[in-house]
Amino acid sequence: MVAQEPANTFARYGLAMEFAKAGDLPLAVTEFQHLISHDANYSAAYYHCGQTLEKLGEVDEARTVYEKGIEATRRNGDAHTRAEIEAALSLLPI
């Protein structure tokens, strides 16, 4: 699907999630970042990108992604995802 419609954000999100589920975390992060760069308001991508970065031990990068995700959820009014991102951010080590 992504090959046929590279700008399809739902397909790209699904691909990133499949990479994460398959354990290819670096490729999942790449896909999440690509999605975010093309649709800065795709709230769920920030949460899952941050989670994937945490699994890779990239805590500072995860923090940055979560902070940007909170900004995105404020722009688009996605209170549910904002709460999830804020909870994940609060659990990161200082």
PDB file of N, CA and C in Angstrom:
ATOM      1  N   MET A   1       0.813  -1.197   0.000  1.00  0.00           N
ATOM      2  CA  MET A   1       0.000   0.000   0.000  1.00  0.00           C
ATOM      3  C   MET A   1       0.858   1.264   0.000  1.00  0.00           C
ATOM      4  N   VAL A   2       1.899   1.270   0.824  1.00  0.00           N
ATOM      5  CA  VAL A   2       2.766   2.451   0.897  1.00  0.00           C
ATOM      6  C   VAL A   2       3.476   2.671  -0.440  1.00  0.00           C
ATOM      7  N   ALA A   3       3.859   1.593  -1.096  1.00  0.00           N
ATOM      8  CA  ALA A   3       4.527   1.728  -2.398  1.00  0.00           C
ATOM      9  C   ALA A   3       3.590   2.371  -3.416  1.00  0.00           C
ATOM     10  N   GLN A   4       2.308   2.037  -3.338  1.00  0.00           N
ATOM     11  CA  GLN A   4       1.337   2.603  -4.274  1.00  0.00           C
ATOM     12  C   GLN A   4       0.927   4.013  -3.904  1.00  0.00           C
ATOM     13  N   GLU A   5       0.862   4.297  -2.606  1.00  0.00           N
ATOM     14  CA  GLU A   5       0.452   5.616  -2.123  1.00  0.00           C
ATOM     15  C   GLU A   5       1.386   6.067  -1.004  1.00  0.00           C
ATOM     16  N   PRO A   6       2.581   6.560  -1.331  1.00  0.00           N
ATOM     17  CA  PRO A   6       3.550   6.940  -0.299  1.00  0.00           C
ATOM     18  C   PRO A   6       3.056   8.030   0.652  1.00  0.00           C
ATOM     19  N   ALA A   7       2.096   8.818   0.242  1.00  0.00           N
ATOM     20  CA  ALA A   7       1.592   9.904   1.085  1.00  0.00           C
ATOM     21  C   ALA A   7       0.416   9.465   1.957  1.00  0.00           C
ATOM     22  N   ASN A   8       0.014   8.203   1.866  1.00  0.00           N
ATOM     23  CA  ASN A   8      -1.101   7.694   2.653  1.00  0.00           C
ATOM     24  C   ASN A   8      -0.642   7.514   4.093  1.00  0.00           C
ATOM     25  N   THR A   9      -1.046   8.435   4.953  1.00  0.00           N
ATOM     26  CA  THR A   9      -0.554   8.429   6.332  1.00  0.00           C
ATOM     27  C   THR A   9      -1.023   7.197   7.104  1.00  0.00           C
ATOM     28  N   PHE A  10      -2.224   6.737   6.855  1.00  0.00           N
ATOM     29  CA  PHE A  10      -2.724   5.554   7.559  1.00  0.00           C
ATOM     30  C   PHE A  10      -1.908   4.320   7.177  1.00  0.00           C
ATOM     31  N   ALA A  11      -1.594   4.183   5.901  1.00  0.00           N
ATOM     32  CA  ALA A  11      -0.785   3.043   5.441  1.00  0.00           C
ATOM     33  C   ALA A  11       0.621   3.113   6.030  1.00  0.00           C
ATOM     34  N   ARG A  12       1.195   4.295   6.062  1.00  0.00           N
ATOM     35  CA  ARG A  12       2.551   4.446   6.607  1.00  0.00           C
ATOM     36  C   ARG A  12       2.554   4.160   8.112  1.00  0.00           C
ATOM     37  N   TYR A  13       1.514   4.582   8.811  1.00  0.00           N
ATOM     38  CA  TYR A  13       1.388   4.292  10.234  1.00  0.00           C
ATOM     39  C   TYR A  13       1.293   2.778  10.449  1.00  0.00           C
ATOM     40  N   GLY A  14       0.485   2.129   9.643  1.00  0.00           N
ATOM     41  CA  GLY A  14       0.348   0.677   9.736  1.00  0.00           C
ATOM     42  C   GLY A  14       1.659  -0.030   9.474  1.00  0.00           C
ATOM     43  N   LEU A  15       2.416   0.448   8.502  1.00  0.00           N
ATOM     44  CA  LEU A  15       3.719  -0.139   8.192  1.00  0.00           C
ATOM     45  C   LEU A  15       4.671   0.026   9.366  1.00  0.00           C
ATOM     46  N   ALA A  16       4.701   1.208   9.953  1.00  0.00           N
ATOM     47  CA  ALA A  16       5.567   1.454  11.110  1.00  0.00           C
ATOM     48  C   ALA A  16       5.192   0.530  12.266  1.00  0.00           C
ATOM     49  N   MET A  17       3.904   0.362  12.498  1.00  0.00           N
ATOM     50  CA  MET A  17       3.446  -0.516  13.575  1.00  0.00           C
ATOM     51  C   MET A  17       3.842  -1.971  13.302  1.00  0.00           C
ATOM     52  N   GLU A  18       3.762  -2.387  12.054  1.00  0.00           N
ATOM     53  CA  GLU A  18       4.163  -3.754  11.701  1.00  0.00           C
ATOM     54  C   GLU A  18       5.664  -3.955  11.911  1.00  0.00           C
ATOM     55  N   PHE A  19       6.463  -2.968  11.541  1.00  0.00           N
ATOM     56  CA  PHE A  19       7.906  -3.067  11.786  1.00  0.00           C
ATOM     57  C   PHE A  19       8.177  -3.193  13.287  1.00  0.00           C
ATOM     58  N   ALA A  20       7.475  -2.403  14.079  1.00  0.00           N
ATOM     59  CA  ALA A  20       7.665  -2.453  15.533  1.00  0.00           C
ATOM     60  C   ALA A  20       7.256  -3.822  16.074  1.00  0.00           C
ATOM     61  N   LYS A  21       6.124  -4.323  15.614  1.00  0.00           N
ATOM     62  CA  LYS A  21       5.644  -5.621  16.070  1.00  0.00           C
ATOM     63  C   LYS A  21       6.608  -6.741  15.669  1.00  0.00           C
ATOM     64  N   ALA A  22       7.240  -6.608  14.515  1.00  0.00           N
ATOM     65  CA  ALA A  22       8.184  -7.620  14.027  1.00  0.00           C
ATOM     66  C   ALA A  22       9.549  -7.503  14.695  1.00  0.00           C
ATOM     67  N   GLY A  23       9.747  -6.435  15.485  1.00  0.00           N
ATOM     68  CA  GLY A  23      11.014  -6.260  16.188  1.00  0.00           C
ATOM     69  C   GLY A  23      12.049  -5.454  15.438  1.00  0.00           C
ATOM     70  N   ASP A  24      11.684  -4.902  14.276  1.00  0.00           N
ATOM     71  CA  ASP A  24      12.616  -4.056  13.536  1.00  0.00           C
ATOM     72  C   ASP A  24      12.408  -2.614  13.993  1.00  0.00           C
ATOM     73  N   LEU A  25      12.882  -2.342  15.205  1.00  0.00           N
ATOM     74  CA  LEU A  25      12.628  -1.056  15.841  1.00  0.00           C
ATOM     75  C   LEU A  25      13.259   0.125  15.113  1.00  0.00           C
ATOM     76  N   PRO A  26      14.516   0.019  14.630  1.00  0.00           N
ATOM     77  CA  PRO A  26      15.072   1.164  13.899  1.00  0.00           C
ATOM     78  C   PRO A  26      14.253   1.524  12.655  1.00  0.00           C
ATOM     79  N   LEU A  27      13.790   0.517  11.943  1.00  0.00           N
ATOM     80  CA  LEU A  27      12.985   0.802  10.757  1.00  0.00           C
ATOM     81  C   LEU A  27      11.616   1.368  11.143  1.00  0.00           C
ATOM     82  N   ALA A  28      11.066   0.899  12.256  1.00  0.00           N
ATOM     83  CA  ALA A  28       9.808   1.460  12.746  1.00  0.00           C
ATOM     84  C   ALA A  28       9.964   2.941  13.057  1.00  0.00           C
ATOM     85  N   VAL A  29      11.051   3.297  13.738  1.00  0.00           N
ATOM     86  CA  VAL A  29      11.308   4.704  14.060  1.00  0.00           C
ATOM     87  C   VAL A  29      11.426   5.527  12.784  1.00  0.00           C
ATOM     88  N   THR A  30      12.132   4.998  11.808  1.00  0.00           N
ATOM     89  CA  THR A  30      12.280   5.705  10.529  1.00  0.00           C
ATOM     90  C   THR A  30      10.920   5.978   9.907  1.00  0.00           C
ATOM     91  N   GLU A  31      10.051   4.987   9.923  1.00  0.00           N
ATOM     92  CA  GLU A  31       8.715   5.162   9.341  1.00  0.00           C
ATOM     93  C   GLU A  31       7.876   6.152  10.148  1.00  0.00           C
ATOM     94  N   PHE A  32       7.925   6.053  11.473  1.00  0.00           N
ATOM     95  CA  PHE A  32       7.191   7.024  12.298  1.00  0.00           C
ATOM     96  C   PHE A  32       7.689   8.438  12.027  1.00  0.00           C
ATOM     97  N   GLN A  33       9.001   8.605  11.943  1.00  0.00           N
ATOM     98  CA  GLN A  33       9.568   9.937  11.696  1.00  0.00           C
ATOM     99  C   GLN A  33       9.172  10.450  10.321  1.00  0.00           C
ATOM    100  N   HIS A  34       9.147   9.572   9.334  1.00  0.00           N
ATOM    101  CA  HIS A  34       8.708   9.974   7.996  1.00  0.00           C
ATOM    102  C   HIS A  34       7.258  10.438   8.041  1.00  0.00           C
ATOM    103  N   LEU A  35       6.425   9.681   8.728  1.00  0.00           N
ATOM    104  CA  LEU A  35       5.024  10.040   8.859  1.00  0.00           C
ATOM    105  C   LEU A  35       4.868  11.397   9.533  1.00  0.00           C
ATOM    106  N   ILE A  36       5.563  11.591  10.638  1.00  0.00           N
ATOM    107  CA  ILE A  36       5.473  12.860  11.377  1.00  0.00           C
ATOM    108  C   ILE A  36       5.950  14.027  10.522  1.00  0.00           C
ATOM    109  N   SER A  37       6.996  13.808   9.734  1.00  0.00           N
ATOM    110  CA  SER A  37       7.513  14.905   8.905  1.00  0.00           C
ATOM    111  C   SER A  37       6.530  15.292   7.798  1.00  0.00           C
ATOM    112  N   HIS A  38       5.659  14.361   7.411  1.00  0.00           N
ATOM    113  CA  HIS A  38       4.682  14.656   6.368  1.00  0.00           C
ATOM    114  C   HIS A  38       3.297  14.993   6.904  1.00  0.00           C
ATOM    115  N   ASP A  39       3.037  14.659   8.159  1.00  0.00           N
ATOM    116  CA  ASP A  39       1.765  15.009   8.784  1.00  0.00           C
ATOM    117  C   ASP A  39       2.034  15.266  10.261  1.00  0.00           C
ATOM    118  N   ALA A  40       2.390  16.490  10.568  1.00  0.00           N
ATOM    119  CA  ALA A  40       2.808  16.865  11.922  1.00  0.00           C
ATOM    120  C   ALA A  40       1.674  16.774  12.941  1.00  0.00           C
ATOM    121  N   ASN A  41       0.452  16.511  12.510  1.00  0.00           N
ATOM    122  CA  ASN A  41      -0.675  16.405  13.433  1.00  0.00           C
ATOM    123  C   ASN A  41      -1.134  14.969  13.659  1.00  0.00           C
ATOM    124  N   TYR A  42      -0.400  13.989  13.159  1.00  0.00           N
ATOM    125  CA  TYR A  42      -0.771  12.580  13.328  1.00  0.00           C
ATOM    126  C   TYR A  42      -0.341  12.152  14.729  1.00  0.00           C
ATOM    127  N   SER A  43      -1.187  12.422  15.698  1.00  0.00           N
ATOM    128  CA  SER A  43      -0.867  12.299  17.122  1.00  0.00           C
ATOM    129  C   SER A  43      -0.324  10.936  17.537  1.00  0.00           C
ATOM    130  N   ALA A  44      -0.967   9.878  17.099  1.00  0.00           N
ATOM    131  CA  ALA A  44      -0.573   8.536  17.539  1.00  0.00           C
ATOM    132  C   ALA A  44       0.855   8.202  17.126  1.00  0.00           C
ATOM    133  N   ALA A  45       1.319   8.769  16.041  1.00  0.00           N
ATOM    134  CA  ALA A  45       2.675   8.485  15.580  1.00  0.00           C
ATOM    135  C   ALA A  45       3.711   8.965  16.597  1.00  0.00           C
ATOM    136  N   TYR A  46       3.444  10.067  17.257  1.00  0.00           N
ATOM    137  CA  TYR A  46       4.380  10.574  18.264  1.00  0.00           C
ATOM    138  C   TYR A  46       4.464   9.612  19.449  1.00  0.00           C
ATOM    139  N   TYR A  47       3.311   9.155  19.900  1.00  0.00           N
ATOM    140  CA  TYR A  47       3.289   8.237  21.041  1.00  0.00           C
ATOM    141  C   TYR A  47       4.053   6.960  20.717  1.00  0.00           C
ATOM    142  N   HIS A  48       3.737   6.344  19.590  1.00  0.00           N
ATOM    143  CA  HIS A  48       4.370   5.070  19.252  1.00  0.00           C
ATOM    144  C   HIS A  48       5.833   5.235  18.854  1.00  0.00           C
ATOM    145  N   CYS A  49       6.168   6.345  18.255  1.00  0.00           N
ATOM    146  CA  CYS A  49       7.580   6.615  17.960  1.00  0.00           C
ATOM    147  C   CYS A  49       8.362   6.742  19.261  1.00  0.00           C
ATOM    148  N   GLY A  50       7.813   7.481  20.210  1.00  0.00           N
ATOM    149  CA  GLY A  50       8.466   7.631  21.507  1.00  0.00           C
ATOM    150  C   GLY A  50       8.632   6.301  22.212  1.00  0.00           C
ATOM    151  N   GLN A  51       7.583   5.479  22.175  1.00  0.00           N
ATOM    152  CA  GLN A  51       7.657   4.159  22.799  1.00  0.00           C
ATOM    153  C   GLN A  51       8.754   3.310  22.162  1.00  0.00           C
ATOM    154  N   THR A  52       8.845   3.373  20.852  1.00  0.00           N
ATOM    155  CA  THR A  52       9.852   2.598  20.131  1.00  0.00           C
ATOM    156  C   THR A  52      11.250   3.108  20.451  1.00  0.00           C
ATOM    157  N   LEU A  53      11.407   4.416  20.511  1.00  0.00           N
ATOM    158  CA  LEU A  53      12.706   4.982  20.880  1.00  0.00           C
ATOM    159  C   LEU A  53      13.112   4.558  22.290  1.00  0.00           C
ATOM    160  N   GLU A  54      12.152   4.517  23.192  1.00  0.00           N
ATOM    161  CA  GLU A  54      12.453   4.052  24.554  1.00  0.00           C
ATOM    162  C   GLU A  54      12.982   2.618  24.531  1.00  0.00           C
ATOM    163  N   LYS A  55      12.349   1.762  23.757  1.00  0.00           N
ATOM    164  CA  LYS A  55      12.798   0.371  23.660  1.00  0.00           C
ATOM    165  C   LYS A  55      14.214   0.274  23.119  1.00  0.00           C
ATOM    166  N   LEU A  56      14.596   1.244  22.304  1.00  0.00           N
ATOM    167  CA  LEU A  56      15.956   1.286  21.753  1.00  0.00           C
ATOM    168  C   LEU A  56      16.944   1.941  22.720  1.00  0.00           C
ATOM    169  N   GLY A  57      16.445   2.420  23.858  1.00  0.00           N
ATOM    170  CA  GLY A  57      17.305   3.078  24.833  1.00  0.00           C
ATOM    171  C   GLY A  57      17.592   4.531  24.515  1.00  0.00           C
ATOM    172  N   GLU A  58      16.861   5.098  23.581  1.00  0.00           N
ATOM    173  CA  GLU A  58      17.050   6.490  23.148  1.00  0.00           C
ATOM    174  C   GLU A  58      16.096   7.398  23.930  1.00  0.00           C
ATOM    175  N   VAL A  59      16.340   7.519  25.223  1.00  0.00           N
ATOM    176  CA  VAL A  59      15.420   8.225  26.118  1.00  0.00           C
ATOM    177  C   VAL A  59      15.322   9.711  25.778  1.00  0.00           C
ATOM    178  N   ASP A  60      16.446  10.352  25.490  1.00  0.00           N
ATOM    179  CA  ASP A  60      16.394  11.787  25.170  1.00  0.00           C
ATOM    180  C   ASP A  60      15.615  12.039  23.886  1.00  0.00           C
ATOM    181  N   GLU A  61      15.806  11.183  22.891  1.00  0.00           N
ATOM    182  CA  GLU A  61      15.045  11.328  21.643  1.00  0.00           C
ATOM    183  C   GLU A  61      13.564  11.085  21.891  1.00  0.00           C
ATOM    184  N   ALA A  62      13.262  10.091  22.728  1.00  0.00           N
ATOM    185  CA  ALA A  62      11.859   9.810  23.057  1.00  0.00           C
ATOM    186  C   ALA A  62      11.226  11.023  23.724  1.00  0.00           C
ATOM    187  N   ARG A  63      11.949  11.647  24.646  1.00  0.00           N
ATOM    188  CA  ARG A  63      11.441  12.832  25.334  1.00  0.00           C
ATOM    189  C   ARG A  63      11.113  13.933  24.317  1.00  0.00           C
ATOM    190  N   THR A  64      12.007  14.155  23.382  1.00  0.00           N
ATOM    191  CA  THR A  64      11.791  15.186  22.357  1.00  0.00           C
ATOM    192  C   THR A  64      10.556  14.873  21.527  1.00  0.00           C
ATOM    193  N   VAL A  65      10.410  13.615  21.131  1.00  0.00           N
ATOM    194  CA  VAL A  65       9.243  13.215  20.337  1.00  0.00           C
ATOM    195  C   VAL A  65       7.960  13.396  21.145  1.00  0.00           C
ATOM    196  N   TYR A  66       7.973  13.001  22.411  1.00  0.00           N
ATOM    197  CA  TYR A  66       6.791  13.175  23.251  1.00  0.00           C
ATOM    198  C   TYR A  66       6.428  14.656  23.385  1.00  0.00           C
ATOM    199  N   GLU A  67       7.424  15.504  23.594  1.00  0.00           N
ATOM    200  CA  GLU A  67       7.150  16.940  23.732  1.00  0.00           C
ATOM    201  C   GLU A  67       6.537  17.513  22.459  1.00  0.00           C
ATOM    202  N   LYS A  68       7.066  17.097  21.316  1.00  0.00           N
ATOM    203  CA  LYS A  68       6.489  17.550  20.045  1.00  0.00           C
ATOM    204  C   LYS A  68       5.088  16.982  19.851  1.00  0.00           C
ATOM    205  N   GLY A  69       4.884  15.762  20.334  1.00  0.00           N
ATOM    206  CA  GLY A  69       3.561  15.151  20.246  1.00  0.00           C
ATOM    207  C   GLY A  69       2.526  15.895  21.076  1.00  0.00           C
ATOM    208  N   ILE A  70       2.928  16.356  22.235  1.00  0.00           N
ATOM    209  CA  ILE A  70       2.016  17.142  23.072  1.00  0.00           C
ATOM    210  C   ILE A  70       1.621  18.424  22.342  1.00  0.00           C
ATOM    211  N   GLU A  71       2.585  19.059  21.697  1.00  0.00           N
ATOM    212  CA  GLU A  71       2.282  20.254  20.899  1.00  0.00           C
ATOM    213  C   GLU A  71       1.286  19.918  19.796  1.00  0.00           C
ATOM    214  N   ALA A  72       1.496  18.789  19.124  1.00  0.00           N
ATOM    215  CA  ALA A  72       0.596  18.380  18.031  1.00  0.00           C
ATOM    216  C   ALA A  72      -0.813  18.136  18.552  1.00  0.00           C
ATOM    217  N   THR A  73      -0.928  17.483  19.704  1.00  0.00           N
ATOM    218  CA  THR A  73      -2.266  17.200  20.241  1.00  0.00           C
ATOM    219  C   THR A  73      -2.972  18.469  20.681  1.00  0.00           C
ATOM    220  N   ARG A  74      -2.228  19.461  21.087  1.00  0.00           N
ATOM    221  CA  ARG A  74      -2.844  20.755  21.419  1.00  0.00           C
ATOM    222  C   ARG A  74      -3.376  21.427  20.161  1.00  0.00           C
ATOM    223  N   ARG A  75      -2.612  21.301  19.066  1.00  0.00           N
ATOM    224  CA  ARG A  75      -3.044  21.904  17.799  1.00  0.00           C
ATOM    225  C   ARG A  75      -4.307  21.238  17.273  1.00  0.00           C
ATOM    226  N   ASN A  76      -4.362  19.905  17.380  1.00  0.00           N
ATOM    227  CA  ASN A  76      -5.474  19.196  16.751  1.00  0.00           C
ATOM    228  C   ASN A  76      -6.579  18.783  17.725  1.00  0.00           C
ATOM    229  N   GLY A  77      -6.420  19.125  19.006  1.00  0.00           N
ATOM    230  CA  GLY A  77      -7.470  18.864  19.986  1.00  0.00           C
ATOM    231  C   GLY A  77      -7.622  17.407  20.391  1.00  0.00           C
ATOM    232  N   ASP A  78      -6.583  16.613  20.250  1.00  0.00           N
ATOM    233  CA  ASP A  78      -6.634  15.182  20.580  1.00  0.00           C
ATOM    234  C   ASP A  78      -6.257  14.977  22.053  1.00  0.00           C
ATOM    235  N   ALA A  79      -7.220  15.175  22.932  1.00  0.00           N
ATOM    236  CA  ALA A  79      -6.968  15.110  24.375  1.00  0.00           C
ATOM    237  C   ALA A  79      -6.602  13.703  24.832  1.00  0.00           C
ATOM    238  N   HIS A  80      -7.190  12.683  24.223  1.00  0.00           N
ATOM    239  CA  HIS A  80      -6.901  11.298  24.619  1.00  0.00           C
ATOM    240  C   HIS A  80      -5.429  10.953  24.385  1.00  0.00           C
ATOM    241  N   THR A  81      -4.944  11.225  23.182  1.00  0.00           N
ATOM    242  CA  THR A  81      -3.544  10.918  22.877  1.00  0.00           C
ATOM    243  C   THR A  81      -2.619  11.810  23.684  1.00  0.00           C
ATOM    244  N   ARG A  82      -3.010  13.055  23.919  1.00  0.00           N
ATOM    245  CA  ARG A  82      -2.189  13.935  24.753  1.00  0.00           C
ATOM    246  C   ARG A  82      -2.009  13.327  26.136  1.00  0.00           C
ATOM    247  N   ALA A  83      -3.065  12.800  26.716  1.00  0.00           N
ATOM    248  CA  ALA A  83      -2.972  12.181  28.041  1.00  0.00           C
ATOM    249  C   ALA A  83      -2.024  10.982  28.011  1.00  0.00           C
ATOM    250  N   GLU A  84      -2.093  10.187  26.966  1.00  0.00           N
ATOM    251  CA  GLU A  84      -1.193   9.029  26.842  1.00  0.00           C
ATOM    252  C   GLU A  84       0.263   9.477  26.727  1.00  0.00           C
ATOM    253  N   ILE A  85       0.493  10.500  25.913  1.00  0.00           N
ATOM    254  CA  ILE A  85       1.863  10.991  25.725  1.00  0.00           C
ATOM    255  C   ILE A  85       2.385  11.612  27.019  1.00  0.00           C
ATOM    256  N   GLU A  86       1.551  12.399  27.690  1.00  0.00           N
ATOM    257  CA  GLU A  86       1.973  13.014  28.955  1.00  0.00           C
ATOM    258  C   GLU A  86       2.310  11.951  29.997  1.00  0.00           C
ATOM    259  N   ALA A  87       1.530  10.877  30.044  1.00  0.00           N
ATOM    260  CA  ALA A  87       1.801   9.784  30.979  1.00  0.00           C
ATOM    261  C   ALA A  87       3.137   9.121  30.648  1.00  0.00           C
ATOM    262  N   ALA A  88       3.382   8.865  29.369  1.00  0.00           N
ATOM    263  CA  ALA A  88       4.641   8.247  28.956  1.00  0.00           C
ATOM    264  C   ALA A  88       5.813   9.161  29.280  1.00  0.00           C
ATOM    265  N   LEU A  89       5.645  10.446  29.041  1.00  0.00           N
ATOM    266  CA  LEU A  89       6.703  11.413  29.327  1.00  0.00           C
ATOM    267  C   LEU A  89       7.006  11.458  30.815  1.00  0.00           C
ATOM    268  N   SER A  90       5.980  11.383  31.633  1.00  0.00           N
ATOM    269  CA  SER A  90       6.184  11.454  33.086  1.00  0.00           C
ATOM    270  C   SER A  90       6.926  10.235  33.632  1.00  0.00           C
ATOM    271  N   LEU A  91       6.931   9.150  32.902  1.00  0.00           N
ATOM    272  CA  LEU A  91       7.607   7.935  33.344  1.00  0.00           C
ATOM    273  C   LEU A  91       9.086   7.868  32.941  1.00  0.00           C
ATOM    274  N   LEU A  92       9.508   8.794  32.085  1.00  0.00           N
ATOM    275  CA  LEU A  92      10.906   8.786  31.657  1.00  0.00           C
ATOM    276  C   LEU A  92      11.820   9.209  32.804  1.00  0.00           C
ATOM    277  N   PRO A  93      12.997   8.602  32.881  1.00  0.00           N
ATOM    278  CA  PRO A  93      13.949   9.033  33.915  1.00  0.00           C
ATOM    279  C   PRO A  93      14.419  10.442  33.643  1.00  0.00           C
ATOM    280  N   ILE A  94      14.713  11.139  34.712  1.00  0.00           N
ATOM    281  CA  ILE A  94      15.162  12.529  34.580  1.00  0.00           C
ATOM    282  C   ILE A  94      16.625  12.588  34.247  1.00  0.00           C
TER     283      ILE A  94
END
